[in-house]
Protein backbone atom coordinates (compact mmCIF):
# COMPACT_ATOMS: atom_id res chain seq x y z
CA MET A 1 -28.93 57.89 -62.46
CA ALA A 2 -29.92 58.49 -58.86
CA ILE A 3 -33.60 58.71 -57.92
CA GLN A 4 -34.64 62.08 -56.53
CA ILE A 5 -37.63 62.42 -54.20
CA TYR A 6 -39.29 65.59 -52.96
CA ASN A 7 -39.38 64.93 -49.24
CA SER A 8 -42.28 66.74 -47.58
CA LEU A 9 -40.52 66.48 -44.23
CA ASN A 10 -37.52 68.55 -45.33
CA ARG A 11 -39.33 70.45 -48.12
CA LYS A 12 -36.66 69.71 -50.71
CA LYS A 13 -35.56 67.17 -53.28
CA GLU A 14 -33.29 64.50 -51.90
CA GLU A 15 -31.47 61.52 -53.34
CA PHE A 16 -33.40 58.37 -52.52
CA ILE A 17 -31.26 56.08 -50.37
CA PRO A 18 -33.28 53.37 -48.58
CA LEU A 19 -32.28 52.34 -45.08
CA ASN A 20 -31.49 48.73 -46.01
CA PRO A 21 -31.06 48.47 -49.81
CA PRO A 22 -32.30 46.78 -51.91
CA ILE A 23 -35.33 46.58 -49.57
CA VAL A 24 -37.78 49.50 -49.63
CA ASN A 25 -40.54 49.63 -47.01
CA LEU A 26 -43.43 51.68 -48.39
CA TYR A 27 -46.70 52.54 -46.65
CA THR A 28 -49.63 54.52 -48.01
CA CYS A 29 -52.86 55.54 -46.34
CA GLY A 30 -55.73 53.65 -47.92
CA VAL A 31 -59.48 54.18 -48.09
CA THR A 32 -62.12 54.56 -45.39
CA VAL A 33 -64.88 52.27 -46.57
CA TYR A 34 -68.06 54.24 -45.85
CA ASP A 35 -68.94 54.95 -49.49
CA ASP A 36 -67.87 54.20 -53.06
CA CYS A 37 -64.43 55.37 -54.15
CA HIS A 38 -64.30 58.38 -56.46
CA ILE A 39 -61.74 59.50 -59.03
CA GLY A 40 -59.80 61.39 -56.35
CA HIS A 41 -59.13 58.08 -54.63
CA ALA A 42 -58.19 56.56 -57.98
CA ARG A 43 -55.59 59.29 -58.49
CA SER A 44 -53.93 58.44 -55.20
CA LEU A 45 -54.03 54.68 -55.76
CA TYR A 46 -52.66 55.06 -59.29
CA ILE A 47 -49.80 57.39 -58.31
CA PHE A 48 -48.42 55.14 -55.60
CA ASP A 49 -48.89 52.04 -57.73
CA CYS A 50 -46.69 53.73 -60.36
CA ILE A 51 -44.06 54.64 -57.76
CA ARG A 52 -44.03 51.09 -56.44
CA ARG A 53 -43.66 49.64 -59.95
CA TYR A 54 -40.89 52.10 -60.82
CA LEU A 55 -38.91 51.24 -57.70
CA ALA A 56 -39.25 47.56 -58.57
CA TYR A 57 -38.11 48.35 -62.13
CA ARG A 58 -35.03 50.04 -60.69
CA GLY A 59 -34.15 46.83 -58.86
CA TYR A 60 -35.54 47.47 -55.39
CA GLN A 61 -37.41 44.86 -53.38
CA VAL A 62 -40.53 46.80 -52.41
CA ASN A 63 -42.57 45.79 -49.38
CA PHE A 64 -45.84 47.65 -49.85
CA VAL A 65 -48.58 48.11 -47.24
CA ARG A 66 -51.83 49.99 -47.91
CA ASN A 67 -54.38 49.94 -45.09
CA ILE A 68 -58.17 49.89 -45.00
CA THR A 69 -59.95 51.92 -42.32
CA ASP A 70 -63.02 49.82 -41.53
CA ILE A 71 -64.14 51.48 -38.31
CA ASP A 72 -64.65 55.23 -38.09
CA ASP A 73 -67.26 57.86 -37.24
CA LYS A 74 -68.09 58.19 -40.95
CA ILE A 75 -68.76 54.44 -41.20
CA ILE A 76 -71.00 54.45 -38.13
CA ASN A 77 -72.93 57.50 -39.32
CA ARG A 78 -73.37 56.11 -42.83
CA ALA A 79 -74.62 52.76 -41.52
CA ASN A 80 -77.12 54.54 -39.27
CA GLU A 81 -78.25 56.68 -42.20
CA LEU A 82 -78.88 53.57 -44.32
CA GLN A 83 -80.25 51.64 -41.34
CA ILE A 84 -77.96 48.67 -41.88
CA ASN A 85 -75.30 46.95 -39.78
CA TRP A 86 -71.93 48.71 -39.96
CA GLN A 87 -70.17 45.44 -40.83
CA GLU A 88 -72.51 44.90 -43.78
CA LEU A 89 -71.69 48.41 -44.99
CA VAL A 90 -67.96 47.76 -44.67
CA GLU A 91 -68.04 44.47 -46.57
CA THR A 92 -70.07 46.03 -49.39
CA TYR A 93 -67.64 48.89 -49.96
CA ILE A 94 -64.49 46.76 -49.57
CA GLU A 95 -65.82 44.54 -52.35
CA ARG A 96 -66.53 47.56 -54.57
CA TYR A 97 -63.08 48.97 -53.76
CA SER A 98 -61.50 45.69 -54.91
CA GLN A 99 -63.50 45.86 -58.13
CA ASP A 100 -62.25 49.41 -58.74
CA LEU A 101 -58.62 48.31 -58.30
CA LYS A 102 -59.09 45.55 -60.86
CA ALA A 103 -60.84 47.87 -63.32
CA LEU A 104 -57.90 50.31 -63.11
CA SER A 105 -55.26 47.54 -63.27
CA ILE A 106 -53.86 48.69 -59.94
CA GLU A 107 -52.05 45.90 -58.15
CA GLU A 108 -52.94 44.79 -54.65
CA ALA A 109 -50.52 45.72 -51.90
CA ASP A 110 -48.44 43.03 -50.24
CA PHE A 111 -50.60 43.62 -47.18
CA GLU A 112 -53.92 45.45 -46.99
CA PRO A 113 -54.67 45.23 -43.26
CA ARG A 114 -57.98 46.29 -41.79
CA ALA A 115 -58.04 48.39 -38.66
CA THR A 116 -60.47 46.04 -36.91
CA GLU A 117 -58.06 43.14 -37.33
CA ASN A 118 -55.33 44.93 -35.38
CA ILE A 119 -57.14 46.36 -32.37
CA GLN A 120 -55.10 44.48 -29.77
CA GLU A 121 -51.82 45.82 -31.17
CA MET A 122 -53.28 49.33 -31.03
CA ILE A 123 -54.24 48.85 -27.38
CA VAL A 124 -50.67 47.77 -26.54
CA TYR A 125 -49.31 50.79 -28.46
CA ILE A 126 -51.60 53.20 -26.61
CA GLN A 127 -50.70 51.68 -23.25
CA GLY A 128 -47.03 52.20 -24.12
CA LEU A 129 -47.69 55.90 -24.72
CA ILE A 130 -49.53 56.18 -21.40
CA ASP A 131 -46.65 54.45 -19.60
CA LYS A 132 -44.19 56.93 -21.12
CA GLY A 133 -46.27 59.89 -19.99
CA TYR A 134 -47.34 61.01 -23.47
CA ALA A 135 -51.01 60.04 -23.21
CA TYR A 136 -53.76 60.16 -20.61
CA PRO A 137 -57.15 58.46 -20.20
CA THR A 138 -60.42 60.32 -19.62
CA GLU A 139 -64.07 59.33 -19.51
CA SER A 140 -64.32 59.88 -23.26
CA GLY A 141 -61.20 57.96 -24.26
CA VAL A 142 -57.42 58.30 -24.33
CA TYR A 143 -55.66 61.40 -25.65
CA PHE A 144 -52.12 62.19 -26.75
CA SER A 145 -50.65 65.20 -24.94
CA VAL A 146 -49.32 67.18 -27.89
CA ARG A 147 -47.26 69.71 -25.96
CA LYS A 148 -45.14 66.95 -24.43
CA PHE A 149 -43.73 66.04 -27.85
CA LYS A 150 -41.06 68.58 -28.79
CA GLY A 151 -41.18 68.05 -32.55
CA TYR A 152 -44.91 68.54 -33.10
CA GLY A 153 -45.49 70.53 -36.29
CA LYS A 154 -42.28 69.57 -38.09
CA LEU A 155 -44.08 67.96 -41.04
CA SER A 156 -46.72 70.65 -41.57
CA GLY A 157 -44.35 73.48 -40.69
CA GLN A 158 -46.81 75.00 -38.23
CA SER A 159 -46.17 76.30 -34.76
CA ILE A 160 -48.34 75.34 -31.79
CA GLU A 161 -49.83 78.85 -31.85
CA GLN A 162 -50.78 78.54 -35.54
CA MET A 163 -52.41 75.17 -34.97
CA LEU A 164 -54.26 76.42 -31.92
CA SER A 165 -55.81 79.30 -33.87
CA GLY A 166 -57.36 76.80 -36.27
CA VAL A 167 -58.78 74.48 -33.62
CA ARG A 168 -62.49 74.75 -32.99
CA LYS A 169 -63.76 74.51 -29.46
CA GLU A 170 -64.96 70.95 -28.93
CA SER A 171 -67.74 69.72 -26.68
CA ASP A 172 -65.34 67.28 -25.02
CA GLU A 173 -64.17 69.17 -21.97
CA SER A 174 -62.16 66.20 -20.66
CA LYS A 175 -59.18 66.98 -22.90
CA GLU A 176 -56.35 68.80 -21.16
CA ASP A 177 -55.57 70.82 -24.29
CA PRO A 178 -57.63 71.57 -27.44
CA LEU A 179 -54.75 70.25 -29.59
CA ASP A 180 -54.64 66.84 -27.93
CA PHE A 181 -55.89 64.11 -30.26
CA ALA A 182 -57.75 60.87 -29.63
CA LEU A 183 -55.91 57.57 -29.48
CA TRP A 184 -58.95 55.69 -28.20
CA LYS A 185 -62.61 56.72 -28.24
CA THR A 186 -65.17 55.52 -25.71
CA SER A 187 -68.11 54.08 -27.63
CA LYS A 188 -71.58 55.52 -27.20
CA PRO A 189 -74.56 53.21 -26.59
CA ASP A 190 -75.41 51.10 -29.67
CA GLU A 191 -72.01 51.84 -31.28
CA PRO A 192 -69.48 49.08 -32.12
CA PHE A 193 -66.85 48.56 -29.44
CA TRP A 194 -63.86 46.54 -28.33
CA GLU A 195 -62.84 45.87 -24.74
CA SER A 196 -59.82 47.80 -23.48
CA PRO A 197 -58.19 48.84 -20.19
CA TRP A 198 -60.07 52.16 -20.61
CA GLY A 199 -63.49 50.62 -21.19
CA LYS A 200 -65.47 49.75 -24.29
CA GLY A 201 -64.43 51.75 -27.32
CA ARG A 202 -62.56 51.88 -30.61
CA PRO A 203 -59.24 53.27 -31.85
CA GLY A 204 -58.75 56.79 -33.15
CA TRP A 205 -57.93 57.21 -36.83
CA HIS A 206 -54.29 58.25 -36.45
CA ILE A 207 -53.16 55.33 -34.29
CA GLU A 208 -54.28 52.82 -36.93
CA CYS A 209 -51.66 53.81 -39.47
CA SER A 210 -48.73 54.01 -37.05
CA VAL A 211 -49.48 50.54 -35.71
CA MET A 212 -50.25 48.78 -38.99
CA SER A 213 -47.36 50.30 -40.94
CA GLN A 214 -44.77 49.26 -38.35
CA LYS A 215 -46.37 45.86 -37.74
CA PHE A 216 -46.64 44.71 -41.35
CA LEU A 217 -43.39 46.29 -42.57
CA LYS A 218 -41.61 44.88 -39.49
CA THR A 219 -39.72 48.09 -38.78
CA GLN A 220 -39.97 51.16 -36.55
CA THR A 221 -38.64 53.44 -39.32
CA LEU A 222 -40.24 53.28 -42.77
CA ASP A 223 -38.39 54.20 -45.93
CA ILE A 224 -41.41 55.97 -47.45
CA HIS A 225 -44.73 57.05 -45.99
CA ALA A 226 -47.10 58.41 -48.61
CA GLY A 227 -50.54 59.91 -49.02
CA GLY A 228 -52.50 62.89 -50.26
CA ARG A 229 -51.50 66.46 -49.44
CA ASP A 230 -54.69 66.82 -47.41
CA LEU A 231 -53.35 64.27 -44.91
CA VAL A 232 -50.24 66.25 -43.92
CA PHE A 233 -52.11 67.82 -41.01
CA PRO A 234 -53.40 66.50 -38.76
CA HIS A 235 -53.21 62.84 -39.80
CA HIS A 236 -49.57 62.44 -40.75
CA GLU A 237 -48.39 64.97 -38.19
CA ASN A 238 -50.10 62.93 -35.49
CA GLU A 239 -48.73 59.65 -36.85
CA ILE A 240 -45.18 60.97 -36.57
CA THR A 241 -45.83 62.29 -33.08
CA GLN A 242 -47.20 59.11 -31.54
CA ALA A 243 -44.75 56.79 -33.31
CA GLU A 244 -41.63 58.76 -32.43
CA ALA A 245 -42.84 59.35 -28.88
CA LEU A 246 -43.13 55.59 -28.40
CA THR A 247 -39.99 54.37 -30.20
CA GLY A 248 -37.63 57.34 -29.94
CA LYS A 249 -36.73 56.74 -33.61
CA PRO A 250 -37.63 58.58 -36.85
CA PHE A 251 -40.96 57.26 -38.12
CA ALA A 252 -40.20 57.61 -41.84
CA LYS A 253 -37.17 58.75 -43.80
CA TYR A 254 -39.12 60.13 -46.78
CA TRP A 255 -42.64 61.56 -46.93
CA ILE A 256 -44.34 61.79 -50.33
CA HIS A 257 -47.59 63.72 -50.81
CA HIS A 258 -49.48 63.96 -54.08
CA GLY A 259 -51.56 66.92 -55.16
CA LEU A 260 -55.34 66.83 -55.10
CA LEU A 261 -57.90 66.52 -57.85
CA THR A 262 -59.96 69.68 -57.59
CA ILE A 263 -63.22 70.89 -59.13
CA ASN A 264 -63.89 74.64 -59.02
CA GLY A 265 -60.99 74.99 -56.60
CA GLN A 266 -62.33 72.43 -54.12
CA LYS A 267 -60.96 68.99 -53.31
CA MET A 268 -62.99 66.18 -54.83
CA SER A 269 -64.44 64.17 -51.94
């Protein structure tokens, strides 16, 4: 019996046919380690662990990557709030995350790369987007020029006008368009930073997943990219945009999004 997958990209059920059977390259967005995991995270981890195990049961060779975001505004703010070093905060919550996985009998991924371990690859990726005319540097960082990518909105099903109506006016006046998103952020004084051609800073959230998924799965087109429904826009939309702008190839054949654990109608977070 064929496996059927609801593909968020096409909004319909499709027969699952990997690009190079029996190999299946699967990537899921992991945790941002600024606090303890909650049961909403557990739901996501459990669902994709089940999918991975089922694909293996059906005879596929699954290469599974699940990242860890270990540098982010939330991490910096939390460390400042607790008055501890951001690296100490990160190590504490990665250890607790590992304990949670063991307690739930969720298997480790084949690779669980940290963002901070792949900064140089992100810098090369961003420079490639600048060279192709899709990104531009400013005093506050490097931004992707959304309107230059024709397919923006194809995952979320939104038009540019719809997205624009939901964008709040930001204090950063250096962006050419309110929709443009950060690939690289210039670090403020006393914030962690890495050297780059655009000054001291750190990567944006979206670029991390595009770079690490393609690097560790050794492909420009994934079989499956997965995550929570709350990541469809802007995170996954932006991942598709920057990846396909750079490579000219589809970023992922199938997109799987799980529903959210809600309490009184609100997402648990």
